Protein backbone atom coordinates (compact mmCIF):
# COMPACT_ATOMS: atom_id res chain seq x y z
CA UNK A 1 73.18 92.32 138.14
CA UNK A 2 71.66 89.15 139.49
CA UNK A 3 73.09 85.70 139.12
CA UNK A 4 72.24 83.95 135.85
CA UNK A 5 68.95 82.06 135.92
CA UNK A 6 69.03 78.29 135.72
CA UNK A 7 68.11 77.06 132.26
CA UNK A 8 64.97 75.02 131.74
CA UNK A 9 63.81 73.64 128.39
CA UNK A 10 60.61 75.72 128.36
CA UNK A 11 62.33 79.08 128.81
CA UNK A 12 64.48 80.97 126.34
CA UNK A 13 67.84 82.39 127.33
CA UNK A 14 68.15 85.65 129.22
CA UNK A 15 69.66 88.39 127.06
CA UNK A 16 73.02 89.88 127.99
CA UNK A 17 72.27 93.54 127.35
CA UNK A 18 75.49 95.02 126.02
CA UNK A 19 73.83 98.30 125.14
CA UNK A 20 72.78 99.02 128.73
CA UNK A 21 76.11 97.92 130.22
CA UNK A 22 78.07 99.92 127.65
CA UNK A 23 76.01 102.99 128.50
CA UNK A 24 76.90 102.67 132.19
CA UNK A 25 80.59 102.19 131.40
CA UNK A 26 80.55 105.17 129.04
CA UNK A 27 78.87 107.38 131.65
CA UNK A 28 81.59 106.50 134.14
CA UNK A 29 84.22 107.11 131.46
CA UNK A 30 82.74 110.54 130.73
CA UNK A 31 82.90 111.40 134.43
CA UNK A 32 86.55 110.32 134.59
CA UNK A 33 87.34 112.27 131.41
CA UNK A 34 85.75 115.42 132.83
CA UNK A 35 87.73 115.17 136.08
CA UNK A 36 90.94 114.43 134.18
CA UNK A 37 90.37 117.42 131.91
CA UNK A 38 89.76 119.64 134.92
CA UNK A 39 92.85 118.29 136.66
CA UNK A 40 95.25 118.55 133.71
CA UNK A 41 93.68 121.24 131.53
CA UNK A 42 93.71 118.86 128.55
CA UNK A 43 90.99 116.47 127.40
CA UNK A 44 91.92 112.89 126.49
CA UNK A 45 92.40 112.52 122.74
CA UNK A 46 91.89 109.45 120.54
CA UNK A 47 93.55 109.42 117.12
CA UNK A 48 91.71 107.36 114.53
CA UNK A 49 93.57 106.27 111.40
CA UNK A 50 91.71 105.08 108.30
CA UNK A 51 93.40 103.79 105.15
CA UNK A 52 91.14 103.89 102.10
CA UNK A 53 87.42 104.50 101.93
CA UNK A 54 85.79 101.20 102.80
CA UNK A 55 82.17 102.20 103.58
CA UNK A 56 81.86 100.00 106.66
CA UNK A 57 85.15 101.29 108.07
CA UNK A 58 84.14 104.89 107.41
CA UNK A 59 80.91 104.27 109.31
CA UNK A 60 82.69 102.60 112.22
CA UNK A 61 85.20 105.43 112.54
CA UNK A 62 82.45 108.06 112.47
CA UNK A 63 80.55 106.14 115.15
CA UNK A 64 83.64 106.01 117.37
CA UNK A 65 84.23 109.73 116.91
CA UNK A 66 80.64 110.48 117.92
CA UNK A 67 80.96 108.29 121.01
CA UNK A 68 84.22 110.06 121.89
CA UNK A 69 82.48 113.43 121.78
CA UNK A 70 79.72 112.22 124.10
CA UNK A 71 82.32 110.93 126.57
CA UNK A 72 84.33 114.15 126.66
CA UNK A 73 87.16 112.70 124.57
CA UNK A 74 88.50 114.74 121.68
CA UNK A 75 89.44 112.98 118.47
CA UNK A 76 91.89 113.50 115.67
CA UNK A 77 91.14 111.71 112.43
CA UNK A 78 93.86 110.79 109.96
CA UNK A 79 92.67 109.71 106.51
CA UNK A 80 95.18 108.04 104.21
CA UNK A 81 94.60 106.99 100.59
CA UNK A 82 94.06 103.34 99.73
CA UNK A 83 97.42 103.29 97.92
CA UNK A 84 99.30 104.12 101.15
CA UNK A 85 102.31 101.84 101.63
CA UNK A 86 103.21 99.98 104.80
CA UNK A 87 106.15 102.32 105.29
CA UNK A 88 103.93 105.40 104.99
CA UNK A 89 101.37 104.01 107.42
CA UNK A 90 104.07 103.05 109.91
CA UNK A 91 105.47 106.59 109.68
CA UNK A 92 102.03 108.12 110.36
CA UNK A 93 101.45 105.85 113.36
CA UNK A 94 104.93 106.52 114.71
CA UNK A 95 104.31 110.26 114.48
CA UNK A 96 101.06 109.90 116.44
CA UNK A 97 102.81 107.70 119.01
CA UNK A 98 105.35 110.46 119.60
CA UNK A 99 102.77 113.25 119.78
CA UNK A 100 102.20 114.21 123.45
CA UNK A 101 98.72 115.53 122.59
CA UNK A 102 97.52 112.05 121.60
CA UNK A 103 96.31 109.73 124.38
CA UNK A 104 95.41 106.67 122.34
CA UNK A 105 95.59 105.40 118.77
CA UNK A 106 93.08 103.33 116.82
CA UNK A 107 94.04 101.93 113.41
CA UNK A 108 90.77 100.94 111.76
CA UNK A 109 91.10 97.41 110.48
CA UNK A 110 91.22 95.58 108.22
CA UNK A 111 93.69 97.63 106.21
CA UNK A 112 94.11 97.13 102.43
CA UNK A 113 95.63 93.77 101.55
CA UNK A 114 98.94 95.16 100.31
CA UNK A 115 99.75 96.60 103.76
CA UNK A 116 101.55 94.57 106.43
CA UNK A 117 98.95 95.00 109.14
CA UNK A 118 101.13 93.53 111.88
CA UNK A 119 103.97 95.96 111.08
CA UNK A 120 101.46 98.80 111.26
CA UNK A 121 100.09 97.66 114.61
CA UNK A 122 103.58 97.41 116.05
CA UNK A 123 104.22 101.06 115.18
CA UNK A 124 101.70 102.01 117.88
CA UNK A 125 103.37 102.80 121.20
CA UNK A 126 102.25 100.28 123.87
CA UNK A 127 101.11 103.10 126.14
CA UNK A 128 98.76 104.35 123.44
CA UNK A 129 97.54 100.95 122.21
CA UNK A 130 94.01 101.47 123.51
CA UNK A 131 92.63 98.98 120.97
CA UNK A 132 94.88 96.22 122.35
CA UNK A 133 96.36 95.16 119.02
CA UNK A 134 100.12 95.08 119.62
CA UNK A 135 102.23 92.10 120.63
CA UNK A 136 102.96 93.93 123.89
CA UNK A 137 99.25 94.04 124.72
CA UNK A 138 98.76 90.40 123.74
CA UNK A 139 101.62 89.35 126.01
CA UNK A 140 100.13 91.36 128.88
CA UNK A 141 96.79 89.58 128.39
CA UNK A 142 98.52 86.20 128.20
CA UNK A 143 100.52 86.76 131.38
CA UNK A 144 97.76 88.50 133.29
CA UNK A 145 99.80 91.70 133.58
CA UNK A 146 98.59 95.32 133.50
CA UNK A 147 97.99 96.65 130.02
CA UNK A 148 95.33 97.31 127.44
CA UNK A 149 93.07 94.45 126.41
CA UNK A 150 91.79 93.88 122.90
CA UNK A 151 88.51 95.75 122.99
CA UNK A 152 86.04 93.09 121.84
CA UNK A 153 87.45 90.34 124.11
CA UNK A 154 87.60 92.91 126.89
CA UNK A 155 83.95 93.72 126.31
CA UNK A 156 83.08 90.03 126.43
CA UNK A 157 84.79 89.67 129.80
CA UNK A 158 82.92 92.67 131.18
CA UNK A 159 79.62 91.12 130.11
CA UNK A 160 80.52 87.86 131.85
CA UNK A 161 81.39 89.80 135.01
CA UNK A 162 78.19 91.85 134.90
CA UNK A 163 76.05 88.74 134.63
CA UNK A 164 77.93 86.93 137.41
CA UNK A 165 79.18 84.10 135.22
CA UNK A 166 81.69 82.12 137.29
CA UNK A 167 84.31 80.85 134.85
CA UNK A 168 86.30 78.73 137.28
CA UNK A 169 86.57 75.20 135.92
CA UNK A 170 84.14 75.90 133.09
CA UNK A 171 84.87 74.69 129.56
CA UNK A 172 85.09 77.73 127.33
CA UNK A 173 85.13 77.16 123.58
CA UNK A 174 86.32 79.97 121.31
CA UNK A 175 85.41 79.57 117.65
CA UNK A 176 87.87 81.79 115.83
CA UNK A 177 91.58 82.51 116.21
CA UNK A 178 92.17 86.05 114.98
CA UNK A 179 94.98 87.94 116.67
CA UNK A 180 92.70 90.65 118.05
CA UNK A 181 89.57 88.64 118.89
CA UNK A 182 89.70 84.86 119.15
CA UNK A 183 93.22 84.43 120.53
CA UNK A 184 93.06 87.16 123.18
CA UNK A 185 89.55 86.09 124.20
CA UNK A 186 90.95 82.67 125.01
CA UNK A 187 93.82 84.20 126.98
CA UNK A 188 91.46 86.31 129.08
CA UNK A 189 89.17 83.34 129.74
CA UNK A 190 92.14 81.21 130.76
CA UNK A 191 93.26 83.94 133.17
CA UNK A 192 89.84 83.60 134.84
CA UNK A 193 90.43 79.87 135.39
CA UNK A 194 88.33 78.55 132.52
CA UNK A 195 89.52 75.53 130.55
CA UNK A 196 89.83 76.86 127.01
CA UNK A 197 89.52 75.14 123.64
CA UNK A 198 90.24 77.06 120.44
CA UNK A 199 88.44 76.02 117.27
CA UNK A 200 88.99 77.26 113.73
CA UNK A 201 88.43 76.50 110.05
CA UNK A 202 90.47 73.29 110.21
CA UNK A 203 88.94 71.91 113.39
CA UNK A 204 87.66 68.37 112.83
CA UNK A 205 84.04 67.77 113.90
CA UNK A 206 83.49 71.28 115.23
CA UNK A 207 79.88 70.65 116.38
CA UNK A 208 80.99 67.95 118.82
CA UNK A 209 83.36 70.41 120.51
CA UNK A 210 80.82 73.23 120.56
CA UNK A 211 78.40 70.87 122.32
CA UNK A 212 80.86 70.64 125.24
CA UNK A 213 81.00 74.39 125.81
CA UNK A 214 79.77 75.82 129.10
CA UNK A 215 80.77 79.19 127.64
CA UNK A 216 80.85 79.71 123.88
CA UNK A 217 82.52 82.65 122.15
CA UNK A 218 81.60 82.79 118.46
CA UNK A 219 84.07 84.84 116.44
CA UNK A 220 84.26 83.05 113.11
CA UNK A 221 82.82 85.74 110.83
CA UNK A 222 80.20 83.55 109.14
CA UNK A 223 76.50 84.34 109.40
CA UNK A 224 74.55 81.97 111.67
CA UNK A 225 77.36 79.43 111.41
CA UNK A 226 76.65 77.88 114.82
CA UNK A 227 73.23 76.32 115.20
CA UNK A 228 71.09 75.87 118.26
CA UNK A 229 71.18 72.08 118.19
CA UNK A 230 74.90 72.27 118.92
CA UNK A 231 74.50 74.48 122.01
CA UNK A 232 74.88 72.70 125.34
CA UNK A 233 71.72 73.21 127.43
CA UNK A 234 72.36 76.02 129.89
CA UNK A 235 75.44 77.32 128.10
CA UNK A 236 76.43 81.00 128.02
CA UNK A 237 76.71 82.20 124.42
CA UNK A 238 78.63 85.31 123.41
CA UNK A 239 78.23 86.15 119.74
CA UNK A 240 81.03 88.44 118.54
CA UNK A 241 80.00 88.20 114.90
CA UNK A 242 78.29 90.87 112.85
CA UNK A 243 77.24 89.94 109.34
CA UNK A 244 75.07 91.26 106.56
CA UNK A 245 71.45 91.37 107.59
CA UNK A 246 72.24 92.28 111.21
CA UNK A 247 72.89 88.69 112.21
CA UNK A 248 75.71 87.19 114.20
CA UNK A 249 77.75 84.00 113.91
CA UNK A 250 75.15 82.11 115.96
CA UNK A 251 71.62 81.29 114.83
CA UNK A 252 69.95 83.32 117.55
CA UNK A 253 66.47 81.82 117.84
CA UNK A 254 67.55 78.19 118.02
CA UNK A 255 70.50 78.96 120.33
CA UNK A 256 68.34 81.04 122.68
CA UNK A 257 66.06 78.03 123.15
CA UNK A 258 68.93 76.10 124.76
CA UNK A 259 71.29 78.65 126.31
CA UNK A 260 70.92 80.26 129.75
CA UNK A 261 72.45 83.55 128.67
CA UNK A 262 73.03 84.88 125.16
CA UNK A 263 74.12 88.16 123.55
CA UNK A 264 71.83 89.61 120.86
CA UNK A 265 73.14 90.93 117.56
CA UNK A 266 73.08 93.89 117.46
CA UNK A 267 73.08 95.14 121.03
CA UNK A 268 75.34 92.60 122.69
CA UNK A 269 79.10 92.49 122.20
CA UNK A 270 79.29 95.38 119.71
CA UNK A 271 78.46 98.29 122.06
CA UNK A 272 80.87 96.85 124.62
CA UNK A 273 83.77 97.06 122.17
CA UNK A 274 83.44 100.84 121.85
CA UNK A 275 82.83 101.28 125.58
CA UNK A 276 86.10 99.50 126.38
CA UNK A 277 87.94 101.54 123.75
CA UNK A 278 86.80 104.82 125.31
CA UNK A 279 87.53 103.64 128.84
CA UNK A 280 91.04 102.59 127.87
CA UNK A 281 91.64 105.92 126.11
CA UNK A 282 90.88 107.83 129.31
CA UNK A 283 93.03 105.39 131.31
CA UNK A 284 95.89 105.98 128.86
CA UNK A 285 95.50 109.74 129.19
CA UNK A 286 95.57 109.48 132.97
CA UNK A 287 98.69 107.32 132.91
CA UNK A 288 100.43 109.76 130.59
CA UNK A 289 99.63 112.50 133.09
CA UNK A 290 101.09 110.40 135.90
CA UNK A 291 97.66 109.72 137.38
CA UNK A 292 95.45 106.71 138.02
CA UNK A 293 91.72 106.67 137.30
CA UNK A 294 91.13 105.64 140.90
CA UNK A 295 92.61 108.98 141.97
CA UNK A 296 90.15 111.03 139.93
C-alpha cells in the first residue's frame, strides 16, 4: 500500500481497511494450509473451547469456525457448561494440549466469573497458544522473541505495516491495559521503536495524554469514549473497541476529521484478529510437523 497521506484540516482521514487486508492474509493462509495438508496428509486443526452459552461468544466461535473452513483448517469445538470449574476447564485444555491432532487452541473469553481465567490460559501449551494469551507468549512479545502474538495487537501491527506507518520515535498511546490487548499492544509498539504510554481507568487527565499521541490504540471497552477534539491532527487511530450499536471506543466522525489514518468499526481491527488467529494456527501446525511456512 502507499505511504499515508499527509493530513490537512479539510480532508477526513483515510480508512485503514482491515477487511481487505484480512482477506489477503487469509488467502495466503489458505494456500499455506493446502500445501501443508498435501505435504503431511493432515489438515491444520484449531480447537475452540467455549464455557457457557453467552450469545456473543457463541456467535464469535461460530464465525471463527466458518473462517477456519474457508481457510482449509479443520476445527474441533468443545462446549462446556457454565458451571464448569477451573479444575475441569484446565483438564480439558491440558487434554487438547497433549492431543497430537490439535494444532492450536482458542479459549473463548471472557469465561464465567467463577473461573480463574489465567489458570485456564496457562493450561494451553505454548506451541499451541495461537491466540497469544499465555505468559510465555507475552514474554516473547516483550522480549521480541519468536512466538505467537496476541491476535488483536498482532492485527493492529499488521495494519500499521500495510499502511507504511513508521513507528520509530513516534509517541504511541494505548488506552487500555488488558493482558491480551492493551499490554501486548504496547509491547509490540515498543519493539518497533515507538515511545509508549499506557493509559487506563485511573489515568489523571486522560485527554491531555491522548492529545500527544502520534499513534493511538483505543482498547478501553467504552462506546465512543475518545472524542475527536482530543485527537492530535494527523494522528493514526486504531480503534480496537466493539460496542453495542456497532460503534468503537472512538467517536468516529469527529476523530476522522483530525486523524490521517483511522480504522472503521466494524471492518478495521476486528477482521484482522481472526486473520492472525488462522495464520498462527497454520504456523503452529507447520512447526509441529517440523516445517516452516517459508518452506511450503
